[in-house]
PDB file of N, CA and C in Angstrom:
ATOM      1  N   MET A   1       2.824   3.074 -43.211  1.00  0.00           N
ATOM      2  CA  MET A   1       3.274   2.638 -41.912  1.00  0.00           C
ATOM      3  C   MET A   1       4.762   2.965 -41.756  1.00  0.00           C
ATOM      4  N   ALA A   2       5.106   3.553 -40.631  1.00  0.00           N
ATOM      5  CA  ALA A   2       6.501   3.876 -40.336  1.00  0.00           C
ATOM      6  C   ALA A   2       7.256   2.596 -39.955  1.00  0.00           C
ATOM      7  N   GLN A   3       8.566   2.655 -40.043  1.00  0.00           N
ATOM      8  CA  GLN A   3       9.437   1.528 -39.695  1.00  0.00           C
ATOM      9  C   GLN A   3      10.463   1.997 -38.672  1.00  0.00           C
ATOM     10  N   TRP A   4      10.944   1.093 -37.849  1.00  0.00           N
ATOM     11  CA  TRP A   4      12.025   1.397 -36.925  1.00  0.00           C
ATOM     12  C   TRP A   4      13.279   0.650 -37.374  1.00  0.00           C
ATOM     13  N   LYS A   5      14.427   1.148 -36.902  1.00  0.00           N
ATOM     14  CA  LYS A   5      15.717   0.561 -37.258  1.00  0.00           C
ATOM     15  C   LYS A   5      16.554   0.430 -35.987  1.00  0.00           C
ATOM     16  N   GLU A   6      17.204  -0.711 -35.842  1.00  0.00           N
ATOM     17  CA  GLU A   6      18.126  -0.883 -34.717  1.00  0.00           C
ATOM     18  C   GLU A   6      19.460  -0.235 -35.059  1.00  0.00           C
ATOM     19  N   ILE A   7      20.004   0.517 -34.112  1.00  0.00           N
ATOM     20  CA  ILE A   7      21.348   1.053 -34.303  1.00  0.00           C
ATOM     21  C   ILE A   7      22.298   0.304 -33.365  1.00  0.00           C
ATOM     22  N   THR A   8      23.444  -0.093 -33.921  1.00  0.00           N
ATOM     23  CA  THR A   8      24.384  -0.919 -33.171  1.00  0.00           C
ATOM     24  C   THR A   8      25.798  -0.361 -33.162  1.00  0.00           C
ATOM     25  N   THR A   9      26.030   0.686 -33.941  1.00  0.00           N
ATOM     26  CA  THR A   9      27.390   1.232 -34.027  1.00  0.00           C
ATOM     27  C   THR A   9      27.385   2.727 -33.717  1.00  0.00           C
ATOM     28  N   LEU A  10      28.540   3.214 -33.333  1.00  0.00           N
ATOM     29  CA  LEU A  10      28.673   4.650 -33.076  1.00  0.00           C
ATOM     30  C   LEU A  10      28.464   5.454 -34.351  1.00  0.00           C
ATOM     31  N   GLU A  11      28.850   4.903 -35.487  1.00  0.00           N
ATOM     32  CA  GLU A  11      28.631   5.583 -36.770  1.00  0.00           C
ATOM     33  C   GLU A  11      27.130   5.739 -37.044  1.00  0.00           C
ATOM     34  N   GLU A  12      26.362   4.699 -36.775  1.00  0.00           N
ATOM     35  CA  GLU A  12      24.906   4.796 -36.969  1.00  0.00           C
ATOM     36  C   GLU A  12      24.311   5.827 -36.022  1.00  0.00           C
ATOM     37  N   TRP A  13      24.817   5.913 -34.797  1.00  0.00           N
ATOM     38  CA  TRP A  13      24.339   6.931 -33.861  1.00  0.00           C
ATOM     39  C   TRP A  13      24.671   8.329 -34.386  1.00  0.00           C
ATOM     40  N   ASP A  14      25.892   8.523 -34.872  1.00  0.00           N
ATOM     41  CA  ASP A  14      26.265   9.825 -35.426  1.00  0.00           C
ATOM     42  C   ASP A  14      25.348  10.213 -36.586  1.00  0.00           C
ATOM     43  N   GLN A  15      25.004   9.243 -37.428  1.00  0.00           N
ATOM     44  CA  GLN A  15      24.091   9.500 -38.543  1.00  0.00           C
ATOM     45  C   GLN A  15      22.699   9.871 -38.039  1.00  0.00           C
ATOM     46  N   ALA A  16      22.243   9.197 -36.988  1.00  0.00           N
ATOM     47  CA  ALA A  16      20.926   9.510 -36.409  1.00  0.00           C
ATOM     48  C   ALA A  16      20.919  10.930 -35.854  1.00  0.00           C
ATOM     49  N   LEU A  17      21.987  11.305 -35.182  1.00  0.00           N
ATOM     50  CA  LEU A  17      22.078  12.651 -34.623  1.00  0.00           C
ATOM     51  C   LEU A  17      22.053  13.692 -35.743  1.00  0.00           C
ATOM     52  N   LEU A  18      22.761  13.437 -36.836  1.00  0.00           N
ATOM     53  CA  LEU A  18      22.723  14.340 -37.992  1.00  0.00           C
ATOM     54  C   LEU A  18      21.335  14.388 -38.624  1.00  0.00           C
ATOM     55  N   ARG A  19      20.688  13.238 -38.720  1.00  0.00           N
ATOM     56  CA  ARG A  19      19.347  13.168 -39.302  1.00  0.00           C
ATOM     57  C   ARG A  19      18.363  14.035 -38.519  1.00  0.00           C
ATOM     58  N   SER A  20      18.601  14.173 -37.208  1.00  0.00           N
ATOM     59  CA  SER A  20      17.671  14.960 -36.377  1.00  0.00           C
ATOM     60  C   SER A  20      17.650  16.431 -36.770  1.00  0.00           C
ATOM     61  N   LYS A  21      18.593  16.876 -37.572  1.00  0.00           N
ATOM     62  CA  LYS A  21      18.569  18.260 -38.071  1.00  0.00           C
ATOM     63  C   LYS A  21      17.543  18.428 -39.190  1.00  0.00           C
ATOM     64  N   ASP A  22      17.159  17.302 -39.830  1.00  0.00           N
ATOM     65  CA  ASP A  22      16.170  17.329 -40.905  1.00  0.00           C
ATOM     66  C   ASP A  22      14.780  16.884 -40.451  1.00  0.00           C
ATOM     67  N   GLU A  23      14.745  15.967 -39.489  1.00  0.00           N
ATOM     68  CA  GLU A  23      13.472  15.446 -38.996  1.00  0.00           C
ATOM     69  C   GLU A  23      13.664  14.921 -37.579  1.00  0.00           C
ATOM     70  N   PRO A  24      12.598  14.883 -36.787  1.00  0.00           N
ATOM     71  CA  PRO A  24      12.729  14.336 -35.432  1.00  0.00           C
ATOM     72  C   PRO A  24      13.149  12.869 -35.478  1.00  0.00           C
ATOM     73  N   VAL A  25      13.915  12.464 -34.477  1.00  0.00           N
ATOM     74  CA  VAL A  25      14.345  11.077 -34.333  1.00  0.00           C
ATOM     75  C   VAL A  25      13.904  10.608 -32.947  1.00  0.00           C
ATOM     76  N   LEU A  26      13.141   9.526 -32.917  1.00  0.00           N
ATOM     77  CA  LEU A  26      12.682   8.951 -31.654  1.00  0.00           C
ATOM     78  C   LEU A  26      13.417   7.638 -31.421  1.00  0.00           C
ATOM     79  N   ILE A  27      14.224   7.617 -30.364  1.00  0.00           N
ATOM     80  CA  ILE A  27      15.030   6.435 -30.036  1.00  0.00           C
ATOM     81  C   ILE A  27      14.520   5.827 -28.745  1.00  0.00           C
ATOM     82  N   ILE A  28      14.472   4.508 -28.726  1.00  0.00           N
ATOM     83  CA  ILE A  28      14.206   3.811 -27.470  1.00  0.00           C
ATOM     84  C   ILE A  28      15.450   3.033 -27.092  1.00  0.00           C
ATOM     85  N   LYS A  29      15.849   3.189 -25.837  1.00  0.00           N
ATOM     86  CA  LYS A  29      16.945   2.404 -25.275  1.00  0.00           C
ATOM     87  C   LYS A  29      16.283   1.236 -24.548  1.00  0.00           C
ATOM     88  N   HIS A  30      16.601   0.026 -24.989  1.00  0.00           N
ATOM     89  CA  HIS A  30      15.886  -1.174 -24.556  1.00  0.00           C
ATOM     90  C   HIS A  30      16.839  -2.192 -23.948  1.00  0.00           C
ATOM     91  N   SER A  31      16.473  -2.692 -22.778  1.00  0.00           N
ATOM     92  CA  SER A  31      17.226  -3.776 -22.145  1.00  0.00           C
ATOM     93  C   SER A  31      16.522  -5.092 -22.432  1.00  0.00           C
ATOM     94  N   THR A  32      17.243  -6.011 -23.045  1.00  0.00           N
ATOM     95  CA  THR A  32      16.667  -7.310 -23.396  1.00  0.00           C
ATOM     96  C   THR A  32      16.526  -8.220 -22.173  1.00  0.00           C
ATOM     97  N   ARG A  33      16.953  -7.771 -21.014  1.00  0.00           N
ATOM     98  CA  ARG A  33      16.880  -8.579 -19.783  1.00  0.00           C
ATOM     99  C   ARG A  33      15.867  -8.054 -18.778  1.00  0.00           C
ATOM    100  N   CYS A  34      15.095  -7.063 -19.141  1.00  0.00           N
ATOM    101  CA  CYS A  34      14.215  -6.395 -18.174  1.00  0.00           C
ATOM    102  C   CYS A  34      12.757  -6.484 -18.614  1.00  0.00           C
ATOM    103  N   PRO A  35      11.866  -7.001 -17.761  1.00  0.00           N
ATOM    104  CA  PRO A  35      10.457  -7.086 -18.141  1.00  0.00           C
ATOM    105  C   PRO A  35       9.787  -5.715 -18.313  1.00  0.00           C
ATOM    106  N   VAL A  36      10.196  -4.720 -17.555  1.00  0.00           N
ATOM    107  CA  VAL A  36       9.648  -3.371 -17.732  1.00  0.00           C
ATOM    108  C   VAL A  36      10.035  -2.846 -19.108  1.00  0.00           C
ATOM    109  N   SER A  37      11.274  -3.101 -19.494  1.00  0.00           N
ATOM    110  CA  SER A  37      11.734  -2.678 -20.814  1.00  0.00           C
ATOM    111  C   SER A  37      10.982  -3.425 -21.911  1.00  0.00           C
ATOM    112  N   ALA A  38      10.681  -4.689 -21.686  1.00  0.00           N
ATOM    113  CA  ALA A  38       9.919  -5.460 -22.676  1.00  0.00           C
ATOM    114  C   ALA A  38       8.549  -4.828 -22.904  1.00  0.00           C
ATOM    115  N   ASP A  39       7.917  -4.364 -21.836  1.00  0.00           N
ATOM    116  CA  ASP A  39       6.612  -3.697 -21.976  1.00  0.00           C
ATOM    117  C   ASP A  39       6.750  -2.385 -22.749  1.00  0.00           C
ATOM    118  N   ALA A  40       7.774  -1.595 -22.417  1.00  0.00           N
ATOM    119  CA  ALA A  40       7.997  -0.326 -23.119  1.00  0.00           C
ATOM    120  C   ALA A  40       8.314  -0.579 -24.588  1.00  0.00           C
ATOM    121  N   TRP A  41       9.084  -1.600 -24.876  1.00  0.00           N
ATOM    122  CA  TRP A  41       9.447  -1.951 -26.251  1.00  0.00           C
ATOM    123  C   TRP A  41       8.196  -2.329 -27.035  1.00  0.00           C
ATOM    124  N   LYS A  42       7.304  -3.055 -26.413  1.00  0.00           N
ATOM    125  CA  LYS A  42       6.040  -3.427 -27.071  1.00  0.00           C
ATOM    126  C   LYS A  42       5.222  -2.170 -27.393  1.00  0.00           C
ATOM    127  N   GLU A  43       5.122  -1.248 -26.448  1.00  0.00           N
ATOM    128  CA  GLU A  43       4.393   0.009 -26.672  1.00  0.00           C
ATOM    129  C   GLU A  43       5.024   0.790 -27.825  1.00  0.00           C
ATOM    130  N   TYR A  44       6.350   0.856 -27.854  1.00  0.00           N
ATOM    131  CA  TYR A  44       7.072   1.573 -28.906  1.00  0.00           C
ATOM    132  C   TYR A  44       6.779   0.954 -30.275  1.00  0.00           C
ATOM    133  N   GLN A  45       6.892  -0.370 -30.360  1.00  0.00           N
ATOM    134  CA  GLN A  45       6.652  -1.053 -31.634  1.00  0.00           C
ATOM    135  C   GLN A  45       5.218  -0.830 -32.115  1.00  0.00           C
ATOM    136  N   GLU A  46       4.261  -0.937 -31.206  1.00  0.00           N
ATOM    137  CA  GLU A  46       2.861  -0.730 -31.597  1.00  0.00           C
ATOM    138  C   GLU A  46       2.630   0.704 -32.051  1.00  0.00           C
ATOM    139  N   PHE A  47       3.240   1.660 -31.365  1.00  0.00           N
ATOM    140  CA  PHE A  47       3.119   3.056 -31.782  1.00  0.00           C
ATOM    141  C   PHE A  47       3.645   3.236 -33.197  1.00  0.00           C
ATOM    142  N   VAL A  48       4.848   2.711 -33.460  1.00  0.00           N
ATOM    143  CA  VAL A  48       5.460   2.870 -34.783  1.00  0.00           C
ATOM    144  C   VAL A  48       4.598   2.196 -35.855  1.00  0.00           C
ATOM    145  N   GLN A  49       4.083   1.010 -35.573  1.00  0.00           N
ATOM    146  CA  GLN A  49       3.292   0.270 -36.557  1.00  0.00           C
ATOM    147  C   GLN A  49       1.912   0.879 -36.787  1.00  0.00           C
ATOM    148  N   GLU A  50       1.315   1.423 -35.743  1.00  0.00           N
ATOM    149  CA  GLU A  50      -0.088   1.833 -35.834  1.00  0.00           C
ATOM    150  C   GLU A  50      -0.307   3.291 -36.203  1.00  0.00           C
ATOM    151  N   ASN A  51       0.461   4.202 -35.617  1.00  0.00           N
ATOM    152  CA  ASN A  51       0.111   5.603 -35.869  1.00  0.00           C
ATOM    153  C   ASN A  51       1.269   6.584 -35.804  1.00  0.00           C
ATOM    154  N   ALA A  52       2.489   6.117 -36.006  1.00  0.00           N
ATOM    155  CA  ALA A  52       3.626   7.033 -35.968  1.00  0.00           C
ATOM    156  C   ALA A  52       3.687   7.855 -37.255  1.00  0.00           C
ATOM    157  N   PRO A  53       3.864   9.159 -37.147  1.00  0.00           N
ATOM    158  CA  PRO A  53       4.004   9.988 -38.346  1.00  0.00           C
ATOM    159  C   PRO A  53       5.243   9.582 -39.149  1.00  0.00           C
ATOM    160  N   LYS A  54       5.110   9.588 -40.446  1.00  0.00           N
ATOM    161  CA  LYS A  54       6.247   9.241 -41.304  1.00  0.00           C
ATOM    162  C   LYS A  54       7.243  10.384 -41.404  1.00  0.00           C
ATOM    163  N   SER A  55       6.932  11.491 -40.802  1.00  0.00           N
ATOM    164  CA  SER A  55       7.812  12.658 -40.847  1.00  0.00           C
ATOM    165  C   SER A  55       8.923  12.592 -39.801  1.00  0.00           C
ATOM    166  N   ALA A  56       9.077  11.445 -39.150  1.00  0.00           N
ATOM    167  CA  ALA A  56      10.132  11.252 -38.154  1.00  0.00           C
ATOM    168  C   ALA A  56      10.820   9.918 -38.422  1.00  0.00           C
ATOM    169  N   SER A  57      11.975   9.727 -37.788  1.00  0.00           N
ATOM    170  CA  SER A  57      12.691   8.456 -37.859  1.00  0.00           C
ATOM    171  C   SER A  57      12.576   7.764 -36.510  1.00  0.00           C
ATOM    172  N   TYR A  58      12.562   6.449 -36.537  1.00  0.00           N
ATOM    173  CA  TYR A  58      12.357   5.652 -35.330  1.00  0.00           C
ATOM    174  C   TYR A  58      13.483   4.635 -35.212  1.00  0.00           C
ATOM    175  N   MET A  59      14.132   4.639 -34.034  1.00  0.00           N
ATOM    176  CA  MET A  59      15.301   3.796 -33.841  1.00  0.00           C
ATOM    177  C   MET A  59      15.286   3.157 -32.461  1.00  0.00           C
ATOM    178  N   MET A  60      16.031   2.054 -32.356  1.00  0.00           N
ATOM    179  CA  MET A  60      16.151   1.326 -31.102  1.00  0.00           C
ATOM    180  C   MET A  60      17.604   0.960 -30.892  1.00  0.00           C
ATOM    181  N   VAL A  61      18.053   1.038 -29.641  1.00  0.00           N
ATOM    182  CA  VAL A  61      19.380   0.554 -29.287  1.00  0.00           C
ATOM    183  C   VAL A  61      19.230  -0.369 -28.081  1.00  0.00           C
ATOM    184  N   LYS A  62      19.859  -1.527 -28.160  1.00  0.00           N
ATOM    185  CA  LYS A  62      19.873  -2.474 -27.046  1.00  0.00           C
ATOM    186  C   LYS A  62      20.999  -2.055 -26.106  1.00  0.00           C
ATOM    187  N   VAL A  63      20.642  -1.750 -24.862  1.00  0.00           N
ATOM    188  CA  VAL A  63      21.606  -1.147 -23.946  1.00  0.00           C
ATOM    189  C   VAL A  63      22.698  -2.105 -23.480  1.00  0.00           C
ATOM    190  N   ILE A  64      22.430  -3.384 -23.468  1.00  0.00           N
ATOM    191  CA  ILE A  64      23.447  -4.347 -23.045  1.00  0.00           C
ATOM    192  C   ILE A  64      24.342  -4.717 -24.225  1.00  0.00           C
ATOM    193  N   GLU A  65      23.720  -5.098 -25.319  1.00  0.00           N
ATOM    194  CA  GLU A  65      24.470  -5.549 -26.497  1.00  0.00           C
ATOM    195  C   GLU A  65      25.224  -4.411 -27.175  1.00  0.00           C
ATOM    196  N   SER A  66      24.727  -3.198 -27.103  1.00  0.00           N
ATOM    197  CA  SER A  66      25.373  -2.032 -27.735  1.00  0.00           C
ATOM    198  C   SER A  66      25.641  -0.965 -26.679  1.00  0.00           C
ATOM    199  N   ARG A  67      26.295  -1.372 -25.610  1.00  0.00           N
ATOM    200  CA  ARG A  67      26.534  -0.480 -24.465  1.00  0.00           C
ATOM    201  C   ARG A  67      27.279   0.791 -24.866  1.00  0.00           C
ATOM    202  N   ASP A  68      28.259   0.680 -25.778  1.00  0.00           N
ATOM    203  CA  ASP A  68      29.015   1.868 -26.179  1.00  0.00           C
ATOM    204  C   ASP A  68      28.112   2.894 -26.866  1.00  0.00           C
ATOM    205  N   VAL A  69      27.163   2.418 -27.659  1.00  0.00           N
ATOM    206  CA  VAL A  69      26.222   3.316 -28.332  1.00  0.00           C
ATOM    207  C   VAL A  69      25.289   3.950 -27.294  1.00  0.00           C
ATOM    208  N   SER A  70      24.766   3.138 -26.395  1.00  0.00           N
ATOM    209  CA  SER A  70      23.876   3.643 -25.352  1.00  0.00           C
ATOM    210  C   SER A  70      24.565   4.708 -24.503  1.00  0.00           C
ATOM    211  N   ASN A  71      25.798   4.446 -24.117  1.00  0.00           N
ATOM    212  CA  ASN A  71      26.547   5.422 -23.316  1.00  0.00           C
ATOM    213  C   ASN A  71      26.818   6.705 -24.091  1.00  0.00           C
ATOM    214  N   LYS A  72      27.123   6.579 -25.377  1.00  0.00           N
ATOM    215  CA  LYS A  72      27.406   7.755 -26.211  1.00  0.00           C
ATOM    216  C   LYS A  72      26.153   8.619 -26.386  1.00  0.00           C
ATOM    217  N   ILE A  73      24.998   7.977 -26.497  1.00  0.00           N
ATOM    218  CA  ILE A  73      23.740   8.726 -26.594  1.00  0.00           C
ATOM    219  C   ILE A  73      23.557   9.582 -25.346  1.00  0.00           C
ATOM    220  N   ALA A  74      23.730   8.977 -24.181  1.00  0.00           N
ATOM    221  CA  ALA A  74      23.579   9.719 -22.923  1.00  0.00           C
ATOM    222  C   ALA A  74      24.581  10.869 -22.840  1.00  0.00           C
ATOM    223  N   GLU A  75      25.822  10.604 -23.252  1.00  0.00           N
ATOM    224  CA  GLU A  75      26.869  11.627 -23.215  1.00  0.00           C
ATOM    225  C   GLU A  75      26.574  12.766 -24.193  1.00  0.00           C
ATOM    226  N   ASP A  76      26.268  12.416 -25.443  1.00  0.00           N
ATOM    227  CA  ASP A  76      26.045  13.445 -26.462  1.00  0.00           C
ATOM    228  C   ASP A  76      24.827  14.311 -26.168  1.00  0.00           C
ATOM    229  N   LEU A  77      23.799  13.706 -25.589  1.00  0.00           N
ATOM    230  CA  LEU A  77      22.562  14.447 -25.334  1.00  0.00           C
ATOM    231  C   LEU A  77      22.511  15.027 -23.922  1.00  0.00           C
ATOM    232  N   ASP A  78      23.526  14.713 -23.124  1.00  0.00           N
ATOM    233  CA  ASP A  78      23.617  15.204 -21.747  1.00  0.00           C
ATOM    234  C   ASP A  78      22.361  14.868 -20.941  1.00  0.00           C
ATOM    235  N   ILE A  79      21.946  13.593 -21.046  1.00  0.00           N
ATOM    236  CA  ILE A  79      20.830  13.124 -20.245  1.00  0.00           C
ATOM    237  C   ILE A  79      21.247  11.846 -19.526  1.00  0.00           C
ATOM    238  N   GLN A  80      20.759  11.694 -18.319  1.00  0.00           N
ATOM    239  CA  GLN A  80      21.092  10.514 -17.529  1.00  0.00           C
ATOM    240  C   GLN A  80      20.529   9.261 -18.189  1.00  0.00           C
ATOM    241  N   HIS A  81      21.354   8.218 -18.254  1.00  0.00           N
ATOM    242  CA  HIS A  81      20.922   6.944 -18.832  1.00  0.00           C
ATOM    243  C   HIS A  81      19.874   6.285 -17.945  1.00  0.00           C
ATOM    244  N   LYS A  82      18.823   5.808 -18.591  1.00  0.00           N
ATOM    245  CA  LYS A  82      17.816   4.976 -17.942  1.00  0.00           C
ATOM    246  C   LYS A  82      17.454   3.882 -18.925  1.00  0.00           C
ATOM    247  N   SER A  83      16.894   2.827 -18.404  1.00  0.00           N
ATOM    248  CA  SER A  83      16.482   1.738 -19.282  1.00  0.00           C
ATOM    249  C   SER A  83      15.235   1.081 -18.687  1.00  0.00           C
ATOM    250  N   PRO A  84      14.178   1.064 -19.456  1.00  0.00           N
ATOM    251  CA  PRO A  84      14.026   1.598 -20.801  1.00  0.00           C
ATOM    252  C   PRO A  84      13.914   3.121 -20.776  1.00  0.00           C
ATOM    253  N   GLN A  85      14.231   3.707 -21.922  1.00  0.00           N
ATOM    254  CA  GLN A  85      14.173   5.163 -22.046  1.00  0.00           C
ATOM    255  C   GLN A  85      13.850   5.522 -23.489  1.00  0.00           C
ATOM    256  N   ALA A  86      12.893   6.404 -23.673  1.00  0.00           N
ATOM    257  CA  ALA A  86      12.568   6.934 -24.988  1.00  0.00           C
ATOM    258  C   ALA A  86      13.066   8.373 -25.042  1.00  0.00           C
ATOM    259  N   ILE A  87      13.713   8.716 -26.151  1.00  0.00           N
ATOM    260  CA  ILE A  87      14.302  10.049 -26.305  1.00  0.00           C
ATOM    261  C   ILE A  87      13.917  10.590 -27.676  1.00  0.00           C
ATOM    262  N   LEU A  88      13.363  11.782 -27.690  1.00  0.00           N
ATOM    263  CA  LEU A  88      13.043  12.459 -28.948  1.00  0.00           C
ATOM    264  C   LEU A  88      14.100  13.522 -29.192  1.00  0.00           C
ATOM    265  N   ILE A  89      14.720  13.450 -30.374  1.00  0.00           N
ATOM    266  CA  ILE A  89      15.830  14.332 -30.713  1.00  0.00           C
ATOM    267  C   ILE A  89      15.437  15.200 -31.899  1.00  0.00           C
ATOM    268  N   LYS A  90      15.688  16.486 -31.755  1.00  0.00           N
ATOM    269  CA  LYS A  90      15.443  17.447 -32.834  1.00  0.00           C
ATOM    270  C   LYS A  90      16.612  18.420 -32.850  1.00  0.00           C
ATOM    271  N   ASP A  91      17.154  18.666 -34.036  1.00  0.00           N
ATOM    272  CA  ASP A  91      18.277  19.586 -34.203  1.00  0.00           C
ATOM    273  C   ASP A  91      19.467  19.237 -33.312  1.00  0.00           C
ATOM    274  N   GLY A  92      19.722  17.936 -33.161  1.00  0.00           N
ATOM    275  CA  GLY A  92      20.894  17.481 -32.428  1.00  0.00           C
ATOM    276  C   GLY A  92      20.791  17.519 -30.920  1.00  0.00           C
ATOM    277  N   ARG A  93      19.593  17.759 -30.391  1.00  0.00           N
ATOM    278  CA  ARG A  93      19.451  17.787 -28.932  1.00  0.00           C
ATOM    279  C   ARG A  93      18.168  17.085 -28.511  1.00  0.00           C
ATOM    280  N   ALA A  94      18.174  16.581 -27.295  1.00  0.00           N
ATOM    281  CA  ALA A  94      16.992  15.916 -26.750  1.00  0.00           C
ATOM    282  C   ALA A  94      15.947  16.972 -26.412  1.00  0.00           C
ATOM    283  N   VAL A  95      14.744  16.817 -26.963  1.00  0.00           N
ATOM    284  CA  VAL A  95      13.665  17.757 -26.672  1.00  0.00           C
ATOM    285  C   VAL A  95      12.608  17.124 -25.762  1.00  0.00           C
ATOM    286  N   TRP A  96      12.707  15.809 -25.570  1.00  0.00           N
ATOM    287  CA  TRP A  96      11.785  15.082 -24.684  1.00  0.00           C
ATOM    288  C   TRP A  96      12.414  13.740 -24.373  1.00  0.00           C
ATOM    289  N   ASN A  97      12.228  13.279 -23.159  1.00  0.00           N
ATOM    290  CA  ASN A  97      12.588  11.904 -22.831  1.00  0.00           C
ATOM    291  C   ASN A  97      11.764  11.443 -21.646  1.00  0.00           C
ATOM    292  N   ASP A  98      11.544  10.148 -21.607  1.00  0.00           N
ATOM    293  CA  ASP A  98      10.813   9.544 -20.496  1.00  0.00           C
ATOM    294  C   ASP A  98      11.281   8.112 -20.348  1.00  0.00           C
ATOM    295  N   SER A  99      10.902   7.489 -19.259  1.00  0.00           N
ATOM    296  CA  SER A  99      11.417   6.148 -19.014  1.00  0.00           C
ATOM    297  C   SER A  99      10.381   5.259 -18.332  1.00  0.00           C
ATOM    298  N   HIS A 100      10.713   4.021 -18.271  1.00  0.00           N
ATOM    299  CA  HIS A 100       9.971   2.977 -17.587  1.00  0.00           C
ATOM    300  C   HIS A 100       8.499   2.946 -18.008  1.00  0.00           C
ATOM    301  N   TRP A 101       7.589   2.962 -17.039  1.00  0.00           N
ATOM    302  CA  TRP A 101       6.162   2.785 -17.337  1.00  0.00           C
ATOM    303  C   TRP A 101       5.544   4.001 -18.016  1.00  0.00           C
ATOM    304  N   HIS A 102       6.296   5.083 -18.121  1.00  0.00           N
ATOM    305  CA  HIS A 102       5.786   6.279 -18.800  1.00  0.00           C
ATOM    306  C   HIS A 102       5.900   6.175 -20.318  1.00  0.00           C
ATOM    307  N   ILE A 103       6.551   5.120 -20.801  1.00  0.00           N
ATOM    308  CA  ILE A 103       6.673   4.922 -22.243  1.00  0.00           C
ATOM    309  C   ILE A 103       5.437   4.156 -22.710  1.00  0.00           C
ATOM    310  N   THR A 104       4.506   4.905 -23.285  1.00  0.00           N
ATOM    311  CA  THR A 104       3.250   4.335 -23.779  1.00  0.00           C
ATOM    312  C   THR A 104       3.004   4.848 -25.195  1.00  0.00           C
ATOM    313  N   LYS A 105       2.114   4.181 -25.891  1.00  0.00           N
ATOM    314  CA  LYS A 105       1.759   4.661 -27.234  1.00  0.00           C
ATOM    315  C   LYS A 105       1.296   6.107 -27.159  1.00  0.00           C
ATOM    316  N   SER A 106       0.520   6.412 -26.153  1.00  0.00           N
ATOM    317  CA  SER A 106      -0.013   7.758 -25.997  1.00  0.00           C
ATOM    318  C   SER A 106       1.098   8.792 -25.741  1.00  0.00           C
ATOM    319  N   SER A 107       2.025   8.493 -24.825  1.00  0.00           N
ATOM    320  CA  SER A 107       3.085   9.453 -24.520  1.00  0.00           C
ATOM    321  C   SER A 107       4.020   9.646 -25.715  1.00  0.00           C
ATOM    322  N   LEU A 108       4.282   8.579 -26.443  1.00  0.00           N
ATOM    323  CA  LEU A 108       5.131   8.681 -27.633  1.00  0.00           C
ATOM    324  C   LEU A 108       4.448   9.530 -28.706  1.00  0.00           C
ATOM    325  N   SER A 109       3.160   9.300 -28.893  1.00  0.00           N
ATOM    326  CA  SER A 109       2.397  10.057 -29.888  1.00  0.00           C
ATOM    327  C   SER A 109       2.384  11.549 -29.551  1.00  0.00           C
ATOM    328  N   GLU A 110       2.118  11.867 -28.292  1.00  0.00           N
ATOM    329  CA  GLU A 110       2.087  13.275 -27.870  1.00  0.00           C
ATOM    330  C   GLU A 110       3.447  13.942 -28.082  1.00  0.00           C
ATOM    331  N   ALA A 111       4.516  13.237 -27.750  1.00  0.00           N
ATOM    332  CA  ALA A 111       5.862  13.815 -27.885  1.00  0.00           C
ATOM    333  C   ALA A 111       6.179  14.110 -29.355  1.00  0.00           C
ATOM    334  N   VAL A 112       5.931  13.160 -30.224  1.00  0.00           N
ATOM    335  CA  VAL A 112       6.255  13.348 -31.645  1.00  0.00           C
ATOM    336  C   VAL A 112       5.380  14.448 -32.263  1.00  0.00           C
ATOM    337  N   LYS A 113       4.122  14.478 -31.903  1.00  0.00           N
ATOM    338  CA  LYS A 113       3.225  15.511 -32.447  1.00  0.00           C
ATOM    339  C   LYS A 113       3.609  16.909 -31.989  1.00  0.00           C
ATOM    340  N   ALA A 114       4.255  17.008 -30.822  1.00  0.00           N
ATOM    341  CA  ALA A 114       4.621  18.312 -30.280  1.00  0.00           C
ATOM    342  C   ALA A 114       5.762  18.981 -31.058  1.00  0.00           C
ATOM    343  N   VAL A 115       6.520  18.178 -31.809  1.00  0.00           N
ATOM    344  CA  VAL A 115       7.615  18.772 -32.592  1.00  0.00           C
ATOM    345  C   VAL A 115       7.201  18.783 -34.038  1.00  0.00           C
TER     346      VAL A 115
END
C-alpha cells in the first residue's frame, strides 16, 4: 500500500520537485474549509490506500495553512492555483492537473498510469 505525506515547507516542496526527476509525484492541494475539497481529499486518500502504484510519490499541501508552499507550487509549475487541485509532476514539470469534482479515484489512477 502506498502512503501520502503532507508537505508544509518550501524545502519539502523543493525536495518533491527534485524527486519528480526519479519518479512521478502526485500532489493534492487541499482546502480544509471547503466541502468540495473534502470530497476530493477523500477520493485522493482512497486512491492512495487502495490502488496507487508504489512507483510514484503522493503528497498533500493544505492551501490555507501552507499558503506559501501552495503559491510556490503554482509559480514553479506555471499553473493557475485552484483548490482542490491534483497535480501530477514528472521531470520537474506538471504533466497533468485537474480540480474540483474531477478529482476522483478513477481520474487519479488514469493520470498516474499514463506516466
